[in-house]
Amino acid sequence: MSKNDKTKLMISLDCVDRLKWSPSLGKRLQSLRGDVSMRTLADKVSQNGLTCTYQYIHKLEAGKAEAVSTELILAICNALGVDFKRLFPSVYLDPSELLAILQNHVA
């Protein structure tokens, strides 16, 4: 698989330590956070046993993080009451899309 290959691969999040972060993901996180303050979100995440500060939430939303622990992102989604798929929709493939990819590689 080349560096520029955009093929998607399905893998359990349990096997992924860190996720690549980007400014567009930061904007999506900010949108999902809505009226919840950064401090409140950080406190909710911290109450679940992970260290998180409002400054780090700000860093994520500003797109200044390069990679983020999967565990922290899952905790943020849980604290916001949103499914991980809403933050990372490109991680998931429609079964028909997966079938099309497989057929193209076999052909």
PDB file of N, CA and C in Angstrom:
ATOM      1  N   MET A   1       0.856  -1.170   0.000  1.00  0.00           N
ATOM      2  CA  MET A   1       0.000   0.000   0.000  1.00  0.00           C
ATOM      3  C   MET A   1       0.905   1.237   0.000  1.00  0.00           C
ATOM      4  N   SER A   2       0.722   2.114  -0.944  1.00  0.00           N
ATOM      5  CA  SER A   2       1.550   3.316  -1.042  1.00  0.00           C
ATOM      6  C   SER A   2       1.107   4.366  -0.031  1.00  0.00           C
ATOM      7  N   LYS A   3       1.975   5.337   0.197  1.00  0.00           N
ATOM      8  CA  LYS A   3       1.687   6.413   1.148  1.00  0.00           C
ATOM      9  C   LYS A   3       0.448   7.214   0.731  1.00  0.00           C
ATOM     10  N   ASN A   4       0.195   7.348  -0.545  1.00  0.00           N
ATOM     11  CA  ASN A   4      -0.931   8.131  -1.044  1.00  0.00           C
ATOM     12  C   ASN A   4      -2.194   7.309  -1.254  1.00  0.00           C
ATOM     13  N   ASP A   5      -2.139   6.021  -0.960  1.00  0.00           N
ATOM     14  CA  ASP A   5      -3.294   5.148  -1.148  1.00  0.00           C
ATOM     15  C   ASP A   5      -4.378   5.524  -0.140  1.00  0.00           C
ATOM     16  N   LYS A   6      -5.579   5.780  -0.623  1.00  0.00           N
ATOM     17  CA  LYS A   6      -6.696   6.207   0.223  1.00  0.00           C
ATOM     18  C   LYS A   6      -7.600   5.035   0.615  1.00  0.00           C
ATOM     19  N   THR A   7      -7.163   3.811   0.388  1.00  0.00           N
ATOM     20  CA  THR A   7      -7.948   2.648   0.747  1.00  0.00           C
ATOM     21  C   THR A   7      -8.182   2.640   2.248  1.00  0.00           C
ATOM     22  N   LYS A   8      -9.402   2.336   2.634  1.00  0.00           N
ATOM     23  CA  LYS A   8      -9.750   2.290   4.045  1.00  0.00           C
ATOM     24  C   LYS A   8      -9.602   0.864   4.550  1.00  0.00           C
ATOM     25  N   LEU A   9      -9.176   0.737   5.780  1.00  0.00           N
ATOM     26  CA  LEU A   9      -8.975  -0.551   6.395  1.00  0.00           C
ATOM     27  C   LEU A   9      -9.756  -0.586   7.695  1.00  0.00           C
ATOM     28  N   MET A  10     -10.481  -1.648   7.923  1.00  0.00           N
ATOM     29  CA  MET A  10     -11.252  -1.780   9.152  1.00  0.00           C
ATOM     30  C   MET A  10     -10.412  -2.532  10.175  1.00  0.00           C
ATOM     31  N   ILE A  11     -10.253  -1.941  11.351  1.00  0.00           N
ATOM     32  CA  ILE A  11      -9.487  -2.562  12.428  1.00  0.00           C
ATOM     33  C   ILE A  11     -10.141  -2.162  13.746  1.00  0.00           C
ATOM     34  N   SER A  12     -10.121  -3.048  14.697  1.00  0.00           N
ATOM     35  CA  SER A  12     -10.724  -2.769  15.997  1.00  0.00           C
ATOM     36  C   SER A  12      -9.989  -1.622  16.685  1.00  0.00           C
ATOM     37  N   LEU A  13     -10.744  -0.718  17.303  1.00  0.00           N
ATOM     38  CA  LEU A  13     -10.119   0.399  18.012  1.00  0.00           C
ATOM     39  C   LEU A  13      -9.276  -0.073  19.189  1.00  0.00           C
ATOM     40  N   ASP A  14      -9.548  -1.284  19.678  1.00  0.00           N
ATOM     41  CA  ASP A  14      -8.733  -1.846  20.752  1.00  0.00           C
ATOM     42  C   ASP A  14      -7.281  -2.033  20.317  1.00  0.00           C
ATOM     43  N   CYS A  15      -7.059  -2.126  19.016  1.00  0.00           N
ATOM     44  CA  CYS A  15      -5.716  -2.348  18.467  1.00  0.00           C
ATOM     45  C   CYS A  15      -5.017  -1.055  18.063  1.00  0.00           C
ATOM     46  N   VAL A  16      -5.692   0.080  18.236  1.00  0.00           N
ATOM     47  CA  VAL A  16      -5.142   1.363  17.796  1.00  0.00           C
ATOM     48  C   VAL A  16      -4.825   2.227  19.015  1.00  0.00           C
ATOM     49  N   ASP A  17      -3.558   2.585  19.149  1.00  0.00           N
ATOM     50  CA  ASP A  17      -3.129   3.380  20.300  1.00  0.00           C
ATOM     51  C   ASP A  17      -3.418   4.867  20.122  1.00  0.00           C
ATOM     52  N   ARG A  18      -3.133   5.394  18.926  1.00  0.00           N
ATOM     53  CA  ARG A  18      -3.300   6.818  18.667  1.00  0.00           C
ATOM     54  C   ARG A  18      -3.973   7.018  17.311  1.00  0.00           C
ATOM     55  N   LEU A  19      -4.679   8.127  17.202  1.00  0.00           N
ATOM     56  CA  LEU A  19      -5.353   8.495  15.965  1.00  0.00           C
ATOM     57  C   LEU A  19      -4.770   9.805  15.440  1.00  0.00           C
ATOM     58  N   LYS A  20      -4.565   9.876  14.146  1.00  0.00           N
ATOM     59  CA  LYS A  20      -4.085  11.110  13.524  1.00  0.00           C
ATOM     60  C   LYS A  20      -5.152  12.189  13.721  1.00  0.00           C
ATOM     61  N   TRP A  21      -4.728  13.389  14.084  1.00  0.00           N
ATOM     62  CA  TRP A  21      -5.646  14.498  14.333  1.00  0.00           C
ATOM     63  C   TRP A  21      -5.453  15.564  13.274  1.00  0.00           C
ATOM     64  N   SER A  22      -6.471  16.380  13.041  1.00  0.00           N
ATOM     65  CA  SER A  22      -6.391  17.433  12.028  1.00  0.00           C
ATOM     66  C   SER A  22      -7.276  18.606  12.427  1.00  0.00           C
ATOM     67  N   PRO A  23      -7.058  19.764  11.809  1.00  0.00           N
ATOM     68  CA  PRO A  23      -7.928  20.916  12.093  1.00  0.00           C
ATOM     69  C   PRO A  23      -9.402  20.634  11.796  1.00  0.00           C
ATOM     70  N   SER A  24      -9.688  19.849  10.755  1.00  0.00           N
ATOM     71  CA  SER A  24     -11.090  19.563  10.446  1.00  0.00           C
ATOM     72  C   SER A  24     -11.730  18.700  11.538  1.00  0.00           C
ATOM     73  N   LEU A  25     -10.961  17.801  12.127  1.00  0.00           N
ATOM     74  CA  LEU A  25     -11.486  17.026  13.257  1.00  0.00           C
ATOM     75  C   LEU A  25     -11.705  17.926  14.466  1.00  0.00           C
ATOM     76  N   GLY A  26     -10.818  18.904  14.640  1.00  0.00           N
ATOM     77  CA  GLY A  26     -10.988  19.870  15.731  1.00  0.00           C
ATOM     78  C   GLY A  26     -12.288  20.649  15.588  1.00  0.00           C
ATOM     79  N   LYS A  27     -12.591  21.068  14.370  1.00  0.00           N
ATOM     80  CA  LYS A  27     -13.846  21.792  14.123  1.00  0.00           C
ATOM     81  C   LYS A  27     -15.053  20.892  14.362  1.00  0.00           C
ATOM     82  N   ARG A  28     -14.933  19.630  13.963  1.00  0.00           N
ATOM     83  CA  ARG A  28     -16.036  18.693  14.179  1.00  0.00           C
ATOM     84  C   ARG A  28     -16.249  18.474  15.677  1.00  0.00           C
ATOM     85  N   LEU A  29     -15.146  18.336  16.435  1.00  0.00           N
ATOM     86  CA  LEU A  29     -15.247  18.178  17.886  1.00  0.00           C
ATOM     87  C   LEU A  29     -15.923  19.397  18.507  1.00  0.00           C
ATOM     88  N   GLN A  30     -15.521  20.576  18.078  1.00  0.00           N
ATOM     89  CA  GLN A  30     -16.120  21.808  18.595  1.00  0.00           C
ATOM     90  C   GLN A  30     -17.619  21.841  18.316  1.00  0.00           C
ATOM     91  N   SER A  31     -18.005  21.424  17.134  1.00  0.00           N
ATOM     92  CA  SER A  31     -19.419  21.384  16.770  1.00  0.00           C
ATOM     93  C   SER A  31     -20.180  20.372  17.632  1.00  0.00           C
ATOM     94  N   LEU A  32     -19.589  19.202  17.839  1.00  0.00           N
ATOM     95  CA  LEU A  32     -20.235  18.182  18.660  1.00  0.00           C
ATOM     96  C   LEU A  32     -20.326  18.616  20.123  1.00  0.00           C
ATOM     97  N   ARG A  33     -19.368  19.402  20.577  1.00  0.00           N
ATOM     98  CA  ARG A  33     -19.369  19.880  21.968  1.00  0.00           C
ATOM     99  C   ARG A  33     -20.525  20.841  22.202  1.00  0.00           C
ATOM    100  N   GLY A  34     -20.890  21.598  21.188  1.00  0.00           N
ATOM    101  CA  GLY A  34     -22.029  22.508  21.303  1.00  0.00           C
ATOM    102  C   GLY A  34     -21.885  23.496  22.438  1.00  0.00           C
ATOM    103  N   ASP A  35     -22.882  23.530  23.325  1.00  0.00           N
ATOM    104  CA  ASP A  35     -22.897  24.485  24.436  1.00  0.00           C
ATOM    105  C   ASP A  35     -22.144  24.000  25.674  1.00  0.00           C
ATOM    106  N   VAL A  36     -21.614  22.792  25.626  1.00  0.00           N
ATOM    107  CA  VAL A  36     -20.852  22.260  26.760  1.00  0.00           C
ATOM    108  C   VAL A  36     -19.507  22.989  26.793  1.00  0.00           C
ATOM    109  N   SER A  37     -19.160  23.556  27.940  1.00  0.00           N
ATOM    110  CA  SER A  37     -17.883  24.278  28.021  1.00  0.00           C
ATOM    111  C   SER A  37     -16.718  23.300  27.957  1.00  0.00           C
ATOM    112  N   MET A  38     -15.567  23.800  27.541  1.00  0.00           N
ATOM    113  CA  MET A  38     -14.365  22.967  27.480  1.00  0.00           C
ATOM    114  C   MET A  38     -14.023  22.437  28.860  1.00  0.00           C
ATOM    115  N   ARG A  39     -14.185  23.273  29.869  1.00  0.00           N
ATOM    116  CA  ARG A  39     -13.878  22.868  31.251  1.00  0.00           C
ATOM    117  C   ARG A  39     -14.817  21.743  31.699  1.00  0.00           C
ATOM    118  N   THR A  40     -16.109  21.875  31.393  1.00  0.00           N
ATOM    119  CA  THR A  40     -17.080  20.843  31.771  1.00  0.00           C
ATOM    120  C   THR A  40     -16.750  19.530  31.072  1.00  0.00           C
ATOM    121  N   LEU A  41     -16.423  19.603  29.795  1.00  0.00           N
ATOM    122  CA  LEU A  41     -16.071  18.396  29.045  1.00  0.00           C
ATOM    123  C   LEU A  41     -14.821  17.753  29.643  1.00  0.00           C
ATOM    124  N   ALA A  42     -13.804  18.544  29.923  1.00  0.00           N
ATOM    125  CA  ALA A  42     -12.569  18.015  30.505  1.00  0.00           C
ATOM    126  C   ALA A  42     -12.847  17.369  31.862  1.00  0.00           C
ATOM    127  N   ASP A  43     -13.702  17.990  32.662  1.00  0.00           N
ATOM    128  CA  ASP A  43     -14.055  17.428  33.972  1.00  0.00           C
ATOM    129  C   ASP A  43     -14.775  16.094  33.828  1.00  0.00           C
ATOM    130  N   LYS A  44     -15.699  16.002  32.873  1.00  0.00           N
ATOM    131  CA  LYS A  44     -16.426  14.745  32.647  1.00  0.00           C
ATOM    132  C   LYS A  44     -15.470  13.629  32.228  1.00  0.00           C
ATOM    133  N   VAL A  45     -14.531  13.966  31.358  1.00  0.00           N
ATOM    134  CA  VAL A  45     -13.548  12.974  30.913  1.00  0.00           C
ATOM    135  C   VAL A  45     -12.677  12.546  32.092  1.00  0.00           C
ATOM    136  N   SER A  46     -12.236  13.516  32.891  1.00  0.00           N
ATOM    137  CA  SER A  46     -11.379  13.221  34.035  1.00  0.00           C
ATOM    138  C   SER A  46     -12.100  12.379  35.082  1.00  0.00           C
ATOM    139  N   GLN A  47     -13.396  12.569  35.224  1.00  0.00           N
ATOM    140  CA  GLN A  47     -14.177  11.778  36.172  1.00  0.00           C
ATOM    141  C   GLN A  47     -14.208  10.302  35.786  1.00  0.00           C
ATOM    142  N   ASN A  48     -13.950  10.013  34.526  1.00  0.00           N
ATOM    143  CA  ASN A  48     -13.912   8.628  34.055  1.00  0.00           C
ATOM    144  C   ASN A  48     -12.506   8.033  34.124  1.00  0.00           C
ATOM    145  N   GLY A  49     -11.597   8.703  34.835  1.00  0.00           N
ATOM    146  CA  GLY A  49     -10.282   8.135  35.091  1.00  0.00           C
ATOM    147  C   GLY A  49      -9.168   8.536  34.149  1.00  0.00           C
ATOM    148  N   LEU A  50      -9.459   9.395  33.179  1.00  0.00           N
ATOM    149  CA  LEU A  50      -8.409   9.871  32.269  1.00  0.00           C
ATOM    150  C   LEU A  50      -8.080  11.319  32.589  1.00  0.00           C
ATOM    151  N   THR A  51      -6.826  11.664  32.506  1.00  0.00           N
ATOM    152  CA  THR A  51      -6.438  13.044  32.723  1.00  0.00           C
ATOM    153  C   THR A  51      -6.734  13.858  31.474  1.00  0.00           C
ATOM    154  N   CYS A  52      -7.512  14.927  31.650  1.00  0.00           N
ATOM    155  CA  CYS A  52      -7.858  15.791  30.525  1.00  0.00           C
ATOM    156  C   CYS A  52      -8.082  17.200  31.066  1.00  0.00           C
ATOM    157  N   THR A  53      -7.525  18.177  30.389  1.00  0.00           N
ATOM    158  CA  THR A  53      -7.691  19.574  30.805  1.00  0.00           C
ATOM    159  C   THR A  53      -8.447  20.340  29.725  1.00  0.00           C
ATOM    160  N   TYR A  54      -9.025  21.469  30.124  1.00  0.00           N
ATOM    161  CA  TYR A  54      -9.715  22.287  29.125  1.00  0.00           C
ATOM    162  C   TYR A  54      -8.717  22.843  28.127  1.00  0.00           C
ATOM    163  N   GLN A  55      -7.466  23.026  28.549  1.00  0.00           N
ATOM    164  CA  GLN A  55      -6.440  23.501  27.620  1.00  0.00           C
ATOM    165  C   GLN A  55      -6.188  22.472  26.514  1.00  0.00           C
ATOM    166  N   TYR A  56      -6.247  21.189  26.878  1.00  0.00           N
ATOM    167  CA  TYR A  56      -6.045  20.151  25.870  1.00  0.00           C
ATOM    168  C   TYR A  56      -7.237  20.079  24.920  1.00  0.00           C
ATOM    169  N   ILE A  57      -8.446  20.254  25.452  1.00  0.00           N
ATOM    170  CA  ILE A  57      -9.629  20.305  24.589  1.00  0.00           C
ATOM    171  C   ILE A  57      -9.467  21.459  23.597  1.00  0.00           C
ATOM    172  N   HIS A  58      -8.989  22.599  24.084  1.00  0.00           N
ATOM    173  CA  HIS A  58      -8.756  23.759  23.205  1.00  0.00           C
ATOM    174  C   HIS A  58      -7.724  23.416  22.136  1.00  0.00           C
ATOM    175  N   LYS A  59      -6.652  22.733  22.528  1.00  0.00           N
ATOM    176  CA  LYS A  59      -5.615  22.335  21.574  1.00  0.00           C
ATOM    177  C   LYS A  59      -6.201  21.420  20.488  1.00  0.00           C
ATOM    178  N   LEU A  60      -7.054  20.493  20.901  1.00  0.00           N
ATOM    179  CA  LEU A  60      -7.693  19.594  19.927  1.00  0.00           C
ATOM    180  C   LEU A  60      -8.572  20.391  18.970  1.00  0.00           C
ATOM    181  N   GLU A  61      -9.402  21.261  19.525  1.00  0.00           N
ATOM    182  CA  GLU A  61     -10.331  22.021  18.681  1.00  0.00           C
ATOM    183  C   GLU A  61      -9.602  22.980  17.748  1.00  0.00           C
ATOM    184  N   ALA A  62      -8.447  23.452  18.172  1.00  0.00           N
ATOM    185  CA  ALA A  62      -7.649  24.345  17.328  1.00  0.00           C
ATOM    186  C   ALA A  62      -6.874  23.560  16.264  1.00  0.00           C
ATOM    187  N   GLY A  63      -6.936  22.240  16.337  1.00  0.00           N
ATOM    188  CA  GLY A  63      -6.236  21.404  15.362  1.00  0.00           C
ATOM    189  C   GLY A  63      -4.740  21.373  15.566  1.00  0.00           C
ATOM    190  N   LYS A  64      -4.285  21.647  16.784  1.00  0.00           N
ATOM    191  CA  LYS A  64      -2.849  21.733  17.046  1.00  0.00           C
ATOM    192  C   LYS A  64      -2.233  20.437  17.563  1.00  0.00           C
ATOM    193  N   ALA A  65      -3.041  19.413  17.737  1.00  0.00           N
ATOM    194  CA  ALA A  65      -2.510  18.107  18.123  1.00  0.00           C
ATOM    195  C   ALA A  65      -2.235  17.316  16.845  1.00  0.00           C
ATOM    196  N   GLU A  66      -1.165  16.545  16.848  1.00  0.00           N
ATOM    197  CA  GLU A  66      -0.847  15.715  15.681  1.00  0.00           C
ATOM    198  C   GLU A  66      -1.512  14.359  15.773  1.00  0.00           C
ATOM    199  N   ALA A  67      -1.531  13.809  16.965  1.00  0.00           N
ATOM    200  CA  ALA A  67      -2.148  12.504  17.198  1.00  0.00           C
ATOM    201  C   ALA A  67      -2.727  12.511  18.607  1.00  0.00           C
ATOM    202  N   VAL A  68      -3.798  11.754  18.786  1.00  0.00           N
ATOM    203  CA  VAL A  68      -4.514  11.730  20.052  1.00  0.00           C
ATOM    204  C   VAL A  68      -4.743  10.284  20.445  1.00  0.00           C
ATOM    205  N   SER A  69      -4.655  10.000  21.734  1.00  0.00           N
ATOM    206  CA  SER A  69      -4.890   8.617  22.156  1.00  0.00           C
ATOM    207  C   SER A  69      -6.329   8.227  21.864  1.00  0.00           C
ATOM    208  N   THR A  70      -6.477   7.020  21.362  1.00  0.00           N
ATOM    209  CA  THR A  70      -7.804   6.490  21.053  1.00  0.00           C
ATOM    210  C   THR A  70      -8.657   6.457  22.316  1.00  0.00           C
ATOM    211  N   GLU A  71      -8.047   6.081  23.421  1.00  0.00           N
ATOM    212  CA  GLU A  71      -8.761   6.004  24.694  1.00  0.00           C
ATOM    213  C   GLU A  71      -9.344   7.371  25.076  1.00  0.00           C
ATOM    214  N   LEU A  72      -8.573   8.444  24.877  1.00  0.00           N
ATOM    215  CA  LEU A  72      -9.055   9.780  25.212  1.00  0.00           C
ATOM    216  C   LEU A  72     -10.187  10.207  24.282  1.00  0.00           C
ATOM    217  N   ILE A  73     -10.050   9.948  22.999  1.00  0.00           N
ATOM    218  CA  ILE A  73     -11.109  10.323  22.056  1.00  0.00           C
ATOM    219  C   ILE A  73     -12.398   9.579  22.380  1.00  0.00           C
ATOM    220  N   LEU A  74     -12.292   8.293  22.697  1.00  0.00           N
ATOM    221  CA  LEU A  74     -13.478   7.533  23.072  1.00  0.00           C
ATOM    222  C   LEU A  74     -14.105   8.093  24.346  1.00  0.00           C
ATOM    223  N   ALA A  75     -13.274   8.505  25.303  1.00  0.00           N
ATOM    224  CA  ALA A  75     -13.783   9.094  26.546  1.00  0.00           C
ATOM    225  C   ALA A  75     -14.464  10.437  26.280  1.00  0.00           C
ATOM    226  N   ILE A  76     -13.918  11.229  25.368  1.00  0.00           N
ATOM    227  CA  ILE A  76     -14.533  12.512  25.007  1.00  0.00           C
ATOM    228  C   ILE A  76     -15.891  12.263  24.357  1.00  0.00           C
ATOM    229  N   CYS A  77     -15.945  11.327  23.436  1.00  0.00           N
ATOM    230  CA  CYS A  77     -17.227  11.003  22.787  1.00  0.00           C
ATOM    231  C   CYS A  77     -18.241  10.531  23.824  1.00  0.00           C
ATOM    232  N   ASN A  78     -17.802   9.684  24.742  1.00  0.00           N
ATOM    233  CA  ASN A  78     -18.680   9.179  25.795  1.00  0.00           C
ATOM    234  C   ASN A  78     -19.186  10.328  26.669  1.00  0.00           C
ATOM    235  N   ALA A  79     -18.293  11.238  27.036  1.00  0.00           N
ATOM    236  CA  ALA A  79     -18.675  12.379  27.876  1.00  0.00           C
ATOM    237  C   ALA A  79     -19.677  13.284  27.164  1.00  0.00           C
ATOM    238  N   LEU A  80     -19.570  13.370  25.846  1.00  0.00           N
ATOM    239  CA  LEU A  80     -20.500  14.191  25.064  1.00  0.00           C
ATOM    240  C   LEU A  80     -21.779  13.426  24.707  1.00  0.00           C
ATOM    241  N   GLY A  81     -21.769  12.117  24.949  1.00  0.00           N
ATOM    242  CA  GLY A  81     -22.922  11.301  24.601  1.00  0.00           C
ATOM    243  C   GLY A  81     -23.101  11.137  23.103  1.00  0.00           C
ATOM    244  N   VAL A  82     -21.978  11.154  22.370  1.00  0.00           N
ATOM    245  CA  VAL A  82     -22.035  10.971  20.913  1.00  0.00           C
ATOM    246  C   VAL A  82     -21.260   9.722  20.529  1.00  0.00           C
ATOM    247  N   ASP A  83     -21.673   9.095  19.469  1.00  0.00           N
ATOM    248  CA  ASP A  83     -20.999   7.916  18.957  1.00  0.00           C
ATOM    249  C   ASP A  83     -19.696   8.339  18.282  1.00  0.00           C
ATOM    250  N   PHE A  84     -18.673   7.517  18.438  1.00  0.00           N
ATOM    251  CA  PHE A  84     -17.369   7.751  17.824  1.00  0.00           C
ATOM    252  C   PHE A  84     -17.496   8.014  16.325  1.00  0.00           C
ATOM    253  N   LYS A  85     -18.457   7.360  15.675  1.00  0.00           N
ATOM    254  CA  LYS A  85     -18.662   7.518  14.228  1.00  0.00           C
ATOM    255  C   LYS A  85     -19.014   8.947  13.845  1.00  0.00           C
ATOM    256  N   ARG A  86     -19.575   9.720  14.763  1.00  0.00           N
ATOM    257  CA  ARG A  86     -19.915  11.115  14.442  1.00  0.00           C
ATOM    258  C   ARG A  86     -18.667  11.981  14.381  1.00  0.00           C
ATOM    259  N   LEU A  87     -17.646  11.618  15.135  1.00  0.00           N
ATOM    260  CA  LEU A  87     -16.393  12.367  15.098  1.00  0.00           C
ATOM    261  C   LEU A  87     -15.493  11.873  13.972  1.00  0.00           C
ATOM    262  N   PHE A  88     -15.476  10.582  13.757  1.00  0.00           N
ATOM    263  CA  PHE A  88     -14.646   9.958  12.725  1.00  0.00           C
ATOM    264  C   PHE A  88     -15.503   9.186  11.737  1.00  0.00           C
ATOM    265  N   PRO A  89     -16.340   9.859  10.962  1.00  0.00           N
ATOM    266  CA  PRO A  89     -17.213   9.117  10.047  1.00  0.00           C
ATOM    267  C   PRO A  89     -16.454   8.366   8.961  1.00  0.00           C
ATOM    268  N   SER A  90     -15.265   8.821   8.597  1.00  0.00           N
ATOM    269  CA  SER A  90     -14.517   8.173   7.526  1.00  0.00           C
ATOM    270  C   SER A  90     -13.909   6.843   7.950  1.00  0.00           C
ATOM    271  N   VAL A  91     -13.944   6.533   9.232  1.00  0.00           N
ATOM    272  CA  VAL A  91     -13.385   5.279   9.711  1.00  0.00           C
ATOM    273  C   VAL A  91     -14.292   4.112   9.347  1.00  0.00           C
ATOM    274  N   TYR A  92     -15.552   4.396   9.134  1.00  0.00           N
ATOM    275  CA  TYR A  92     -16.528   3.350   8.900  1.00  0.00           C
ATOM    276  C   TYR A  92     -16.902   3.259   7.426  1.00  0.00           C
ATOM    277  N   LEU A  93     -17.003   2.045   6.941  1.00  0.00           N
ATOM    278  CA  LEU A  93     -17.371   1.795   5.555  1.00  0.00           C
ATOM    279  C   LEU A  93     -18.756   1.174   5.500  1.00  0.00           C
ATOM    280  N   ASP A  94     -19.510   1.584   4.535  1.00  0.00           N
ATOM    281  CA  ASP A  94     -20.762   0.925   4.231  1.00  0.00           C
ATOM    282  C   ASP A  94     -20.406  -0.440   3.641  1.00  0.00           C
ATOM    283  N   PRO A  95     -21.111  -1.527   4.029  1.00  0.00           N
ATOM    284  CA  PRO A  95     -20.771  -2.849   3.485  1.00  0.00           C
ATOM    285  C   PRO A  95     -20.730  -2.888   1.956  1.00  0.00           C
ATOM    286  N   SER A  96     -21.605  -2.134   1.291  1.00  0.00           N
ATOM    287  CA  SER A  96     -21.576  -2.131  -0.176  1.00  0.00           C
ATOM    288  C   SER A  96     -20.304  -1.455  -0.693  1.00  0.00           C
ATOM    289  N   GLU A  97     -19.822  -0.454   0.032  1.00  0.00           N
ATOM    290  CA  GLU A  97     -18.571   0.211  -0.350  1.00  0.00           C
ATOM    291  C   GLU A  97     -17.401  -0.752  -0.184  1.00  0.00           C
ATOM    292  N   LEU A  98     -17.409  -1.526   0.902  1.00  0.00           N
ATOM    293  CA  LEU A  98     -16.359  -2.507   1.130  1.00  0.00           C
ATOM    294  C   LEU A  98     -16.372  -3.567   0.035  1.00  0.00           C
ATOM    295  N   LEU A  99     -17.549  -4.026  -0.342  1.00  0.00           N
ATOM    296  CA  LEU A  99     -17.675  -5.011  -1.416  1.00  0.00           C
ATOM    297  C   LEU A  99     -17.118  -4.460  -2.727  1.00  0.00           C
ATOM    298  N   ALA A 100     -17.409  -3.210  -3.035  1.00  0.00           N
ATOM    299  CA  ALA A 100     -16.900  -2.587  -4.261  1.00  0.00           C
ATOM    300  C   ALA A 100     -15.380  -2.504  -4.241  1.00  0.00           C
ATOM    301  N   ILE A 101     -14.806  -2.170  -3.091  1.00  0.00           N
ATOM    302  CA  ILE A 101     -13.346  -2.101  -2.967  1.00  0.00           C
ATOM    303  C   ILE A 101     -12.739  -3.479  -3.196  1.00  0.00           C
ATOM    304  N   LEU A 102     -13.326  -4.484  -2.571  1.00  0.00           N
ATOM    305  CA  LEU A 102     -12.809  -5.841  -2.743  1.00  0.00           C
ATOM    306  C   LEU A 102     -12.902  -6.306  -4.189  1.00  0.00           C
ATOM    307  N   GLN A 103     -14.011  -6.006  -4.841  1.00  0.00           N
ATOM    308  CA  GLN A 103     -14.186  -6.408  -6.229  1.00  0.00           C
ATOM    309  C   GLN A 103     -13.178  -5.710  -7.136  1.00  0.00           C
ATOM    310  N   ASN A 104     -12.859  -4.454  -6.864  1.00  0.00           N
ATOM    311  CA  ASN A 104     -11.877  -3.724  -7.671  1.00  0.00           C
ATOM    312  C   ASN A 104     -10.466  -4.296  -7.505  1.00  0.00           C
ATOM    313  N   HIS A 105     -10.161  -4.775  -6.299  1.00  0.00           N
ATOM    314  CA  HIS A 105      -8.818  -5.334  -6.064  1.00  0.00           C
ATOM    315  C   HIS A 105      -8.675  -6.741  -6.622  1.00  0.00           C
ATOM    316  N   VAL A 106      -9.767  -7.468  -6.715  1.00  0.00           N
ATOM    317  CA  VAL A 106      -9.734  -8.828  -7.259  1.00  0.00           C
ATOM    318  C   VAL A 106      -9.715  -8.796  -8.782  1.00  0.00           C
ATOM    319  N   ALA A 107     -10.405  -7.825  -9.356  1.00  0.00           N
ATOM    320  CA  ALA A 107     -10.539  -7.753 -10.824  1.00  0.00           C
ATOM    321  C   ALA A 107      -9.277  -7.454 -11.540  1.00  0.00           C
TER     322      ALA A 107
END
